[in-house]
């Protein structure tokens, strides 16, 4: 009798347990969501930033050659803005206006990227560089389709006509430049500002350990100088032989590849 009673109790328990709702299974997408929102490791993050120096060299050399205005190096634009008060340089009307607009676009870009893409996870970094790439590629399309025609100069080298459509690619290029320097700051890579070299030269040659065999910061500074210089050389040569739009296609392609790379970047693992 006792055994039959116990069996009936066990059966009733199993029945009651089987009637309980099963826990909801985790959706498969949760693993992907966790992956893309994982913070990235800062190991080797100097490589993308040094490649951004290459992009700055490409864009600055070609934009200055075409429109007498920088899109990354805002120190130069500040000087051009000041010269505009004396109607200088001669033969470059409204050059000061281009410089001013480039400065404003750059600063707005810094504010935008620092606000919207301030997290160092795979998703935010990838989207940030995708946005930067899109800005450059739109500029490339505008130039290649002659929506923004090339500037014409007279025999004295003075600009023969002023085309304010040039401001569109200038704004796009300067705006995206703010994104890369913001990223370098977020990554703690102050030795690779990506857009200017004056402070880099100072820190490089005032470093008491400049000749030391192992010096990571020195190597980063030297790398940023070399890559910006190479970008400038390549930008000038490509602009002359293949056209301005080709330079922007290459620069935008580099940013697009970096956007993809951030999606597969190693995650940040806390030290035990």
C-alpha atoms as a PDB file:
ATOM      1  CA  UNK A   1       0.000   0.000   0.000  1.00  0.00           C
ATOM      2  CA  UNK A   2       2.774   2.410   0.949  1.00  0.00           C
ATOM      3  CA  UNK A   3       4.707   1.757  -2.265  1.00  0.00           C
ATOM      4  CA  UNK A   4       1.624   2.278  -4.421  1.00  0.00           C
ATOM      5  CA  UNK A   5       0.890   5.551  -2.600  1.00  0.00           C
ATOM      6  CA  UNK A   6       4.459   6.745  -3.139  1.00  0.00           C
ATOM      7  CA  UNK A   7       4.264   5.824  -6.838  1.00  0.00           C
ATOM      8  CA  UNK A   8       1.063   7.795  -7.205  1.00  0.00           C
ATOM      9  CA  UNK A   9       2.679  10.795  -5.497  1.00  0.00           C
ATOM     10  CA  UNK A  10       5.700  10.608  -7.828  1.00  0.00           C
ATOM     11  CA  UNK A  11       3.406  10.390 -10.823  1.00  0.00           C
ATOM     12  CA  UNK A  12       1.440  13.433  -9.684  1.00  0.00           C
ATOM     13  CA  UNK A  13       4.675  15.387  -9.108  1.00  0.00           C
ATOM     14  CA  UNK A  14       5.903  14.545 -12.615  1.00  0.00           C
ATOM     15  CA  UNK A  15       2.576  15.607 -14.051  1.00  0.00           C
ATOM     16  CA  UNK A  16       2.627  18.896 -12.178  1.00  0.00           C
ATOM     17  CA  UNK A  17       6.220  19.581 -13.247  1.00  0.00           C
ATOM     18  CA  UNK A  18       5.433  18.768 -16.856  1.00  0.00           C
ATOM     19  CA  UNK A  19       2.587  21.262 -16.769  1.00  0.00           C
ATOM     20  CA  UNK A  20       4.908  24.115 -15.734  1.00  0.00           C
ATOM     21  CA  UNK A  21       5.877  26.487 -18.568  1.00  0.00           C
ATOM     22  CA  UNK A  22       9.351  25.945 -19.961  1.00  0.00           C
ATOM     23  CA  UNK A  23      11.842  28.826 -19.610  1.00  0.00           C
ATOM     24  CA  UNK A  24      12.017  30.935 -22.719  1.00  0.00           C
ATOM     25  CA  UNK A  25      14.997  30.066 -24.859  1.00  0.00           C
ATOM     26  CA  UNK A  26      17.461  32.838 -25.545  1.00  0.00           C
ATOM     27  CA  UNK A  27      17.157  34.163 -29.079  1.00  0.00           C
ATOM     28  CA  UNK A  28      20.070  33.431 -31.354  1.00  0.00           C
ATOM     29  CA  UNK A  29      20.479  37.118 -32.070  1.00  0.00           C
ATOM     30  CA  UNK A  30      21.486  37.808 -28.465  1.00  0.00           C
ATOM     31  CA  UNK A  31      24.904  36.298 -29.111  1.00  0.00           C
ATOM     32  CA  UNK A  32      25.467  38.590 -32.077  1.00  0.00           C
ATOM     33  CA  UNK A  33      24.221  41.603 -30.133  1.00  0.00           C
ATOM     34  CA  UNK A  34      26.667  40.800 -27.367  1.00  0.00           C
ATOM     35  CA  UNK A  35      29.458  40.395 -29.922  1.00  0.00           C
ATOM     36  CA  UNK A  36      29.007  43.758 -31.620  1.00  0.00           C
ATOM     37  CA  UNK A  37      28.609  45.633 -28.334  1.00  0.00           C
ATOM     38  CA  UNK A  38      31.771  44.154 -26.823  1.00  0.00           C
ATOM     39  CA  UNK A  39      34.478  46.690 -26.037  1.00  0.00           C
ATOM     40  CA  UNK A  40      37.503  46.350 -28.293  1.00  0.00           C
ATOM     41  CA  UNK A  41      41.054  45.798 -27.169  1.00  0.00           C
ATOM     42  CA  UNK A  42      43.423  48.732 -27.545  1.00  0.00           C
ATOM     43  CA  UNK A  43      46.211  46.363 -28.544  1.00  0.00           C
ATOM     44  CA  UNK A  44      47.446  47.318 -32.020  1.00  0.00           C
ATOM     45  CA  UNK A  45      44.769  50.021 -32.281  1.00  0.00           C
ATOM     46  CA  UNK A  46      47.564  52.339 -33.369  1.00  0.00           C
ATOM     47  CA  UNK A  47      47.547  50.629 -36.786  1.00  0.00           C
ATOM     48  CA  UNK A  48      44.130  51.998 -37.862  1.00  0.00           C
ATOM     49  CA  UNK A  49      45.089  55.429 -36.567  1.00  0.00           C
ATOM     50  CA  UNK A  50      48.337  55.483 -38.534  1.00  0.00           C
ATOM     51  CA  UNK A  51      46.347  54.502 -41.621  1.00  0.00           C
ATOM     52  CA  UNK A  52      44.146  57.514 -40.884  1.00  0.00           C
ATOM     53  CA  UNK A  53      47.307  59.621 -41.200  1.00  0.00           C
ATOM     54  CA  UNK A  54      47.655  58.197 -44.699  1.00  0.00           C
ATOM     55  CA  UNK A  55      44.066  59.235 -45.450  1.00  0.00           C
ATOM     56  CA  UNK A  56      44.751  62.742 -44.130  1.00  0.00           C
ATOM     57  CA  UNK A  57      47.762  63.042 -46.410  1.00  0.00           C
ATOM     58  CA  UNK A  58      45.732  61.897 -49.404  1.00  0.00           C
ATOM     59  CA  UNK A  59      42.820  64.244 -48.743  1.00  0.00           C
ATOM     60  CA  UNK A  60      44.788  67.307 -47.647  1.00  0.00           C
ATOM     61  CA  UNK A  61      47.267  67.280 -50.528  1.00  0.00           C
ATOM     62  CA  UNK A  62      44.602  66.785 -53.176  1.00  0.00           C
ATOM     63  CA  UNK A  63      42.077  69.238 -51.701  1.00  0.00           C
ATOM     64  CA  UNK A  64      44.701  71.947 -51.282  1.00  0.00           C
ATOM     65  CA  UNK A  65      45.936  71.425 -54.829  1.00  0.00           C
ATOM     66  CA  UNK A  66      42.381  71.613 -56.187  1.00  0.00           C
ATOM     67  CA  UNK A  67      40.711  74.182 -53.936  1.00  0.00           C
ATOM     68  CA  UNK A  68      43.539  75.904 -51.989  1.00  0.00           C
ATOM     69  CA  UNK A  69      42.089  74.679 -48.719  1.00  0.00           C
ATOM     70  CA  UNK A  70      42.906  71.961 -46.204  1.00  0.00           C
ATOM     71  CA  UNK A  71      40.322  69.527 -44.871  1.00  0.00           C
ATOM     72  CA  UNK A  72      42.320  68.022 -41.992  1.00  0.00           C
ATOM     73  CA  UNK A  73      45.099  70.445 -41.044  1.00  0.00           C
ATOM     74  CA  UNK A  74      43.084  73.266 -39.524  1.00  0.00           C
ATOM     75  CA  UNK A  75      46.187  75.173 -38.411  1.00  0.00           C
ATOM     76  CA  UNK A  76      46.866  76.008 -42.050  1.00  0.00           C
ATOM     77  CA  UNK A  77      43.240  76.999 -42.578  1.00  0.00           C
ATOM     78  CA  UNK A  78      43.411  79.311 -39.569  1.00  0.00           C
ATOM     79  CA  UNK A  79      46.381  81.119 -41.146  1.00  0.00           C
ATOM     80  CA  UNK A  80      44.558  81.361 -44.488  1.00  0.00           C
ATOM     81  CA  UNK A  81      41.555  82.792 -42.655  1.00  0.00           C
ATOM     82  CA  UNK A  82      43.778  85.437 -41.073  1.00  0.00           C
ATOM     83  CA  UNK A  83      45.393  86.284 -44.430  1.00  0.00           C
ATOM     84  CA  UNK A  84      41.942  86.841 -45.869  1.00  0.00           C
ATOM     85  CA  UNK A  85      41.636  89.998 -43.764  1.00  0.00           C
ATOM     86  CA  UNK A  86      44.362  91.502 -45.990  1.00  0.00           C
ATOM     87  CA  UNK A  87      42.879  90.049 -49.204  1.00  0.00           C
ATOM     88  CA  UNK A  88      45.707  87.544 -49.403  1.00  0.00           C
ATOM     89  CA  UNK A  89      46.816  85.370 -51.040  1.00  0.00           C
ATOM     90  CA  UNK A  90      46.416  87.313 -54.276  1.00  0.00           C
ATOM     91  CA  UNK A  91      44.387  85.512 -56.913  1.00  0.00           C
ATOM     92  CA  UNK A  92      42.454  83.352 -54.451  1.00  0.00           C
ATOM     93  CA  UNK A  93      39.142  85.133 -53.881  1.00  0.00           C
ATOM     94  CA  UNK A  94      37.018  83.791 -51.059  1.00  0.00           C
ATOM     95  CA  UNK A  95      39.867  81.535 -49.965  1.00  0.00           C
ATOM     96  CA  UNK A  96      39.277  82.749 -46.430  1.00  0.00           C
ATOM     97  CA  UNK A  97      35.630  81.651 -46.678  1.00  0.00           C
ATOM     98  CA  UNK A  98      36.641  78.126 -47.710  1.00  0.00           C
ATOM     99  CA  UNK A  99      39.053  77.939 -44.787  1.00  0.00           C
ATOM    100  CA  UNK A 100      36.441  79.201 -42.344  1.00  0.00           C
ATOM    101  CA  UNK A 101      33.852  76.699 -43.550  1.00  0.00           C
ATOM    102  CA  UNK A 102      36.392  73.874 -43.343  1.00  0.00           C
ATOM    103  CA  UNK A 103      37.232  74.836 -39.754  1.00  0.00           C
ATOM    104  CA  UNK A 104      33.555  74.961 -38.784  1.00  0.00           C
ATOM    105  CA  UNK A 105      32.814  71.621 -40.469  1.00  0.00           C
ATOM    106  CA  UNK A 106      35.797  70.007 -38.739  1.00  0.00           C
ATOM    107  CA  UNK A 107      34.707  71.268 -35.323  1.00  0.00           C
ATOM    108  CA  UNK A 108      31.136  70.124 -35.906  1.00  0.00           C
ATOM    109  CA  UNK A 109      32.513  66.736 -36.918  1.00  0.00           C
ATOM    110  CA  UNK A 110      34.488  66.501 -33.687  1.00  0.00           C
ATOM    111  CA  UNK A 111      31.384  67.304 -31.662  1.00  0.00           C
ATOM    112  CA  UNK A 112      29.219  64.882 -33.641  1.00  0.00           C
ATOM    113  CA  UNK A 113      31.564  61.896 -33.440  1.00  0.00           C
ATOM    114  CA  UNK A 114      32.431  62.544 -29.784  1.00  0.00           C
ATOM    115  CA  UNK A 115      28.717  62.551 -28.940  1.00  0.00           C
ATOM    116  CA  UNK A 116      27.303  59.817 -31.178  1.00  0.00           C
ATOM    117  CA  UNK A 117      30.239  57.399 -31.465  1.00  0.00           C
ATOM    118  CA  UNK A 118      31.880  57.755 -28.073  1.00  0.00           C
ATOM    119  CA  UNK A 119      31.787  54.059 -27.137  1.00  0.00           C
ATOM    120  CA  UNK A 120      34.771  51.859 -27.935  1.00  0.00           C
ATOM    121  CA  UNK A 121      32.784  48.798 -28.909  1.00  0.00           C
ATOM    122  CA  UNK A 122      32.803  47.047 -32.269  1.00  0.00           C
ATOM    123  CA  UNK A 123      29.492  48.506 -33.410  1.00  0.00           C
ATOM    124  CA  UNK A 124      30.222  52.156 -32.655  1.00  0.00           C
ATOM    125  CA  UNK A 125      33.738  52.072 -34.092  1.00  0.00           C
ATOM    126  CA  UNK A 126      32.567  50.297 -37.221  1.00  0.00           C
ATOM    127  CA  UNK A 127      29.670  52.704 -37.758  1.00  0.00           C
ATOM    128  CA  UNK A 128      31.924  55.687 -37.098  1.00  0.00           C
ATOM    129  CA  UNK A 129      34.367  54.683 -39.804  1.00  0.00           C
ATOM    130  CA  UNK A 130      31.546  53.694 -42.141  1.00  0.00           C
ATOM    131  CA  UNK A 131      30.151  57.213 -41.738  1.00  0.00           C
ATOM    132  CA  UNK A 132      33.579  58.709 -42.430  1.00  0.00           C
ATOM    133  CA  UNK A 133      33.995  56.519 -45.504  1.00  0.00           C
ATOM    134  CA  UNK A 134      30.567  57.553 -46.780  1.00  0.00           C
ATOM    135  CA  UNK A 135      31.469  61.244 -46.535  1.00  0.00           C
ATOM    136  CA  UNK A 136      34.640  60.711 -48.576  1.00  0.00           C
ATOM    137  CA  UNK A 137      32.915  58.522 -51.159  1.00  0.00           C
ATOM    138  CA  UNK A 138      30.149  61.088 -51.663  1.00  0.00           C
ATOM    139  CA  UNK A 139      32.862  63.683 -52.298  1.00  0.00           C
ATOM    140  CA  UNK A 140      34.445  61.304 -54.823  1.00  0.00           C
ATOM    141  CA  UNK A 141      31.125  60.890 -56.638  1.00  0.00           C
ATOM    142  CA  UNK A 142      30.540  64.654 -56.761  1.00  0.00           C
ATOM    143  CA  UNK A 143      33.964  65.237 -58.287  1.00  0.00           C
ATOM    144  CA  UNK A 144      33.867  62.314 -60.721  1.00  0.00           C
ATOM    145  CA  UNK A 145      30.425  63.250 -62.076  1.00  0.00           C
ATOM    146  CA  UNK A 146      31.526  66.903 -62.468  1.00  0.00           C
ATOM    147  CA  UNK A 147      28.853  68.132 -60.097  1.00  0.00           C
ATOM    148  CA  UNK A 148      31.859  69.910 -58.631  1.00  0.00           C
ATOM    149  CA  UNK A 149      33.921  70.942 -61.678  1.00  0.00           C
ATOM    150  CA  UNK A 150      37.684  71.433 -61.408  1.00  0.00           C
ATOM    151  CA  UNK A 151      38.939  74.916 -60.606  1.00  0.00           C
ATOM    152  CA  UNK A 152      40.337  76.887 -63.543  1.00  0.00           C
ATOM    153  CA  UNK A 153      43.336  79.186 -63.249  1.00  0.00           C
ATOM    154  CA  UNK A 154      44.697  81.816 -65.604  1.00  0.00           C
ATOM    155  CA  UNK A 155      48.256  82.102 -66.895  1.00  0.00           C
ATOM    156  CA  UNK A 156      49.346  83.800 -63.669  1.00  0.00           C
ATOM    157  CA  UNK A 157      48.012  80.953 -61.556  1.00  0.00           C
ATOM    158  CA  UNK A 158      45.075  82.973 -60.244  1.00  0.00           C
ATOM    159  CA  UNK A 159      41.676  81.326 -59.898  1.00  0.00           C
ATOM    160  CA  UNK A 160      39.648  82.449 -62.904  1.00  0.00           C
ATOM    161  CA  UNK A 161      36.232  81.578 -61.503  1.00  0.00           C
ATOM    162  CA  UNK A 162      34.751  80.965 -58.083  1.00  0.00           C
ATOM    163  CA  UNK A 163      32.513  77.915 -57.778  1.00  0.00           C
ATOM    164  CA  UNK A 164      30.803  77.608 -54.430  1.00  0.00           C
ATOM    165  CA  UNK A 165      29.869  74.003 -55.188  1.00  0.00           C
ATOM    166  CA  UNK A 166      33.419  73.244 -54.043  1.00  0.00           C
ATOM    167  CA  UNK A 167      32.180  73.810 -50.519  1.00  0.00           C
ATOM    168  CA  UNK A 168      30.137  70.592 -50.578  1.00  0.00           C
ATOM    169  CA  UNK A 169      33.076  68.132 -50.763  1.00  0.00           C
ATOM    170  CA  UNK A 170      35.131  70.418 -48.509  1.00  0.00           C
ATOM    171  CA  UNK A 171      32.457  70.237 -45.813  1.00  0.00           C
ATOM    172  CA  UNK A 172      32.129  66.457 -46.137  1.00  0.00           C
ATOM    173  CA  UNK A 173      35.886  65.860 -46.001  1.00  0.00           C
ATOM    174  CA  UNK A 174      36.510  68.232 -43.100  1.00  0.00           C
ATOM    175  CA  UNK A 175      33.549  66.826 -41.152  1.00  0.00           C
ATOM    176  CA  UNK A 176      34.792  63.243 -41.399  1.00  0.00           C
ATOM    177  CA  UNK A 177      38.326  64.301 -40.434  1.00  0.00           C
ATOM    178  CA  UNK A 178      36.965  65.225 -37.032  1.00  0.00           C
ATOM    179  CA  UNK A 179      35.903  61.613 -36.564  1.00  0.00           C
ATOM    180  CA  UNK A 180      39.357  60.122 -36.816  1.00  0.00           C
ATOM    181  CA  UNK A 181      41.024  62.503 -34.370  1.00  0.00           C
ATOM    182  CA  UNK A 182      38.183  61.929 -31.890  1.00  0.00           C
ATOM    183  CA  UNK A 183      38.770  58.180 -32.200  1.00  0.00           C
ATOM    184  CA  UNK A 184      42.488  58.601 -31.545  1.00  0.00           C
ATOM    185  CA  UNK A 185      41.670  60.527 -28.375  1.00  0.00           C
ATOM    186  CA  UNK A 186      39.144  57.927 -27.210  1.00  0.00           C
ATOM    187  CA  UNK A 187      41.745  55.204 -27.726  1.00  0.00           C
ATOM    188  CA  UNK A 188      44.268  57.193 -25.691  1.00  0.00           C
ATOM    189  CA  UNK A 189      46.613  57.558 -28.667  1.00  0.00           C
ATOM    190  CA  UNK A 190      47.423  61.236 -28.246  1.00  0.00           C
ATOM    191  CA  UNK A 191      50.745  60.666 -29.987  1.00  0.00           C
ATOM    192  CA  UNK A 192      48.816  59.971 -33.222  1.00  0.00           C
ATOM    193  CA  UNK A 193      46.489  62.957 -33.729  1.00  0.00           C
ATOM    194  CA  UNK A 194      46.101  61.870 -37.403  1.00  0.00           C
ATOM    195  CA  UNK A 195      45.464  65.391 -38.722  1.00  0.00           C
ATOM    196  CA  UNK A 196      48.465  67.503 -37.708  1.00  0.00           C
ATOM    197  CA  UNK A 197      52.179  66.954 -37.140  1.00  0.00           C
ATOM    198  CA  UNK A 198      53.452  70.033 -35.282  1.00  0.00           C
ATOM    199  CA  UNK A 199      52.930  68.569 -31.811  1.00  0.00           C
ATOM    200  CA  UNK A 200      54.115  65.182 -33.087  1.00  0.00           C
ATOM    201  CA  UNK A 201      57.426  66.668 -34.233  1.00  0.00           C
ATOM    202  CA  UNK A 202      57.858  68.383 -30.865  1.00  0.00           C
ATOM    203  CA  UNK A 203      57.125  65.259 -28.828  1.00  0.00           C
ATOM    204  CA  UNK A 204      59.222  63.092 -31.122  1.00  0.00           C
ATOM    205  CA  UNK A 205      62.417  65.125 -30.952  1.00  0.00           C
ATOM    206  CA  UNK A 206      62.063  66.255 -27.339  1.00  0.00           C
ATOM    207  CA  UNK A 207      61.747  62.653 -26.181  1.00  0.00           C
ATOM    208  CA  UNK A 208      64.846  61.819 -24.093  1.00  0.00           C
ATOM    209  CA  UNK A 209      64.426  58.173 -25.095  1.00  0.00           C
ATOM    210  CA  UNK A 210      64.257  58.833 -28.818  1.00  0.00           C
ATOM    211  CA  UNK A 211      67.257  56.580 -29.489  1.00  0.00           C
ATOM    212  CA  UNK A 212      66.110  53.832 -27.166  1.00  0.00           C
ATOM    213  CA  UNK A 213      65.685  50.490 -28.903  1.00  0.00           C
ATOM    214  CA  UNK A 214      62.169  49.879 -27.595  1.00  0.00           C
ATOM    215  CA  UNK A 215      60.002  53.001 -27.576  1.00  0.00           C
ATOM    216  CA  UNK A 216      56.395  52.477 -28.637  1.00  0.00           C
ATOM    217  CA  UNK A 217      55.348  56.127 -28.533  1.00  0.00           C
ATOM    218  CA  UNK A 218      58.352  57.157 -30.623  1.00  0.00           C
ATOM    219  CA  UNK A 219      57.490  54.497 -33.179  1.00  0.00           C
ATOM    220  CA  UNK A 220      53.891  55.686 -33.351  1.00  0.00           C
ATOM    221  CA  UNK A 221      54.921  59.308 -33.841  1.00  0.00           C
ATOM    222  CA  UNK A 222      57.429  58.398 -36.509  1.00  0.00           C
ATOM    223  CA  UNK A 223      54.851  56.208 -38.217  1.00  0.00           C
ATOM    224  CA  UNK A 224      52.301  59.014 -38.293  1.00  0.00           C
ATOM    225  CA  UNK A 225      54.858  61.358 -39.891  1.00  0.00           C
ATOM    226  CA  UNK A 226      55.855  58.821 -42.526  1.00  0.00           C
ATOM    227  CA  UNK A 227      52.306  57.820 -43.432  1.00  0.00           C
ATOM    228  CA  UNK A 228      51.019  61.380 -43.647  1.00  0.00           C
ATOM    229  CA  UNK A 229      53.976  62.262 -45.868  1.00  0.00           C
ATOM    230  CA  UNK A 230      53.420  59.206 -48.055  1.00  0.00           C
ATOM    231  CA  UNK A 231      49.729  60.074 -48.283  1.00  0.00           C
ATOM    232  CA  UNK A 232      50.597  63.598 -49.372  1.00  0.00           C
ATOM    233  CA  UNK A 233      53.025  62.364 -52.013  1.00  0.00           C
ATOM    234  CA  UNK A 234      50.553  59.799 -53.296  1.00  0.00           C
ATOM    235  CA  UNK A 235      47.689  62.293 -53.294  1.00  0.00           C
ATOM    236  CA  UNK A 236      49.610  64.783 -55.403  1.00  0.00           C
ATOM    237  CA  UNK A 237      50.845  62.184 -57.856  1.00  0.00           C
ATOM    238  CA  UNK A 238      47.469  60.465 -58.243  1.00  0.00           C
ATOM    239  CA  UNK A 239      45.657  63.795 -58.658  1.00  0.00           C
ATOM    240  CA  UNK A 240      47.963  64.748 -61.500  1.00  0.00           C
ATOM    241  CA  UNK A 241      47.955  61.396 -63.295  1.00  0.00           C
ATOM    242  CA  UNK A 242      44.529  59.880 -62.594  1.00  0.00           C
ATOM    243  CA  UNK A 243      42.370  62.700 -61.286  1.00  0.00           C
ATOM    244  CA  UNK A 244      41.109  64.112 -58.012  1.00  0.00           C
ATOM    245  CA  UNK A 245      38.220  61.677 -57.669  1.00  0.00           C
ATOM    246  CA  UNK A 246      40.567  58.676 -57.702  1.00  0.00           C
ATOM    247  CA  UNK A 247      42.311  60.007 -54.602  1.00  0.00           C
ATOM    248  CA  UNK A 248      39.007  60.234 -52.785  1.00  0.00           C
ATOM    249  CA  UNK A 249      37.966  56.745 -53.919  1.00  0.00           C
ATOM    250  CA  UNK A 250      41.182  55.356 -52.435  1.00  0.00           C
ATOM    251  CA  UNK A 251      40.814  57.323 -49.187  1.00  0.00           C
ATOM    252  CA  UNK A 252      37.184  56.272 -48.827  1.00  0.00           C
ATOM    253  CA  UNK A 253      38.115  52.667 -49.537  1.00  0.00           C
ATOM    254  CA  UNK A 254      40.682  52.718 -46.741  1.00  0.00           C
ATOM    255  CA  UNK A 255      38.102  54.032 -44.283  1.00  0.00           C
ATOM    256  CA  UNK A 256      35.604  51.389 -45.442  1.00  0.00           C
ATOM    257  CA  UNK A 257      38.135  48.611 -44.866  1.00  0.00           C
ATOM    258  CA  UNK A 258      38.848  49.981 -41.395  1.00  0.00           C
ATOM    259  CA  UNK A 259      35.118  49.945 -40.683  1.00  0.00           C
ATOM    260  CA  UNK A 260      35.037  46.234 -41.513  1.00  0.00           C
ATOM    261  CA  UNK A 261      38.201  45.579 -39.501  1.00  0.00           C
ATOM    262  CA  UNK A 262      36.683  47.058 -36.338  1.00  0.00           C
ATOM    263  CA  UNK A 263      33.866  44.503 -36.544  1.00  0.00           C
ATOM    264  CA  UNK A 264      36.411  41.699 -36.180  1.00  0.00           C
ATOM    265  CA  UNK A 265      38.712  43.438 -33.710  1.00  0.00           C
ATOM    266  CA  UNK A 266      39.848  41.505 -30.661  1.00  0.00           C
ATOM    267  CA  UNK A 267      37.727  42.098 -27.585  1.00  0.00           C
ATOM    268  CA  UNK A 268      39.036  43.810 -24.499  1.00  0.00           C
ATOM    269  CA  UNK A 269      39.781  41.219 -21.833  1.00  0.00           C
ATOM    270  CA  UNK A 270      40.245  42.456 -18.243  1.00  0.00           C
ATOM    271  CA  UNK A 271      43.538  41.585 -16.611  1.00  0.00           C
ATOM    272  CA  UNK A 272      43.208  38.879 -13.962  1.00  0.00           C
END
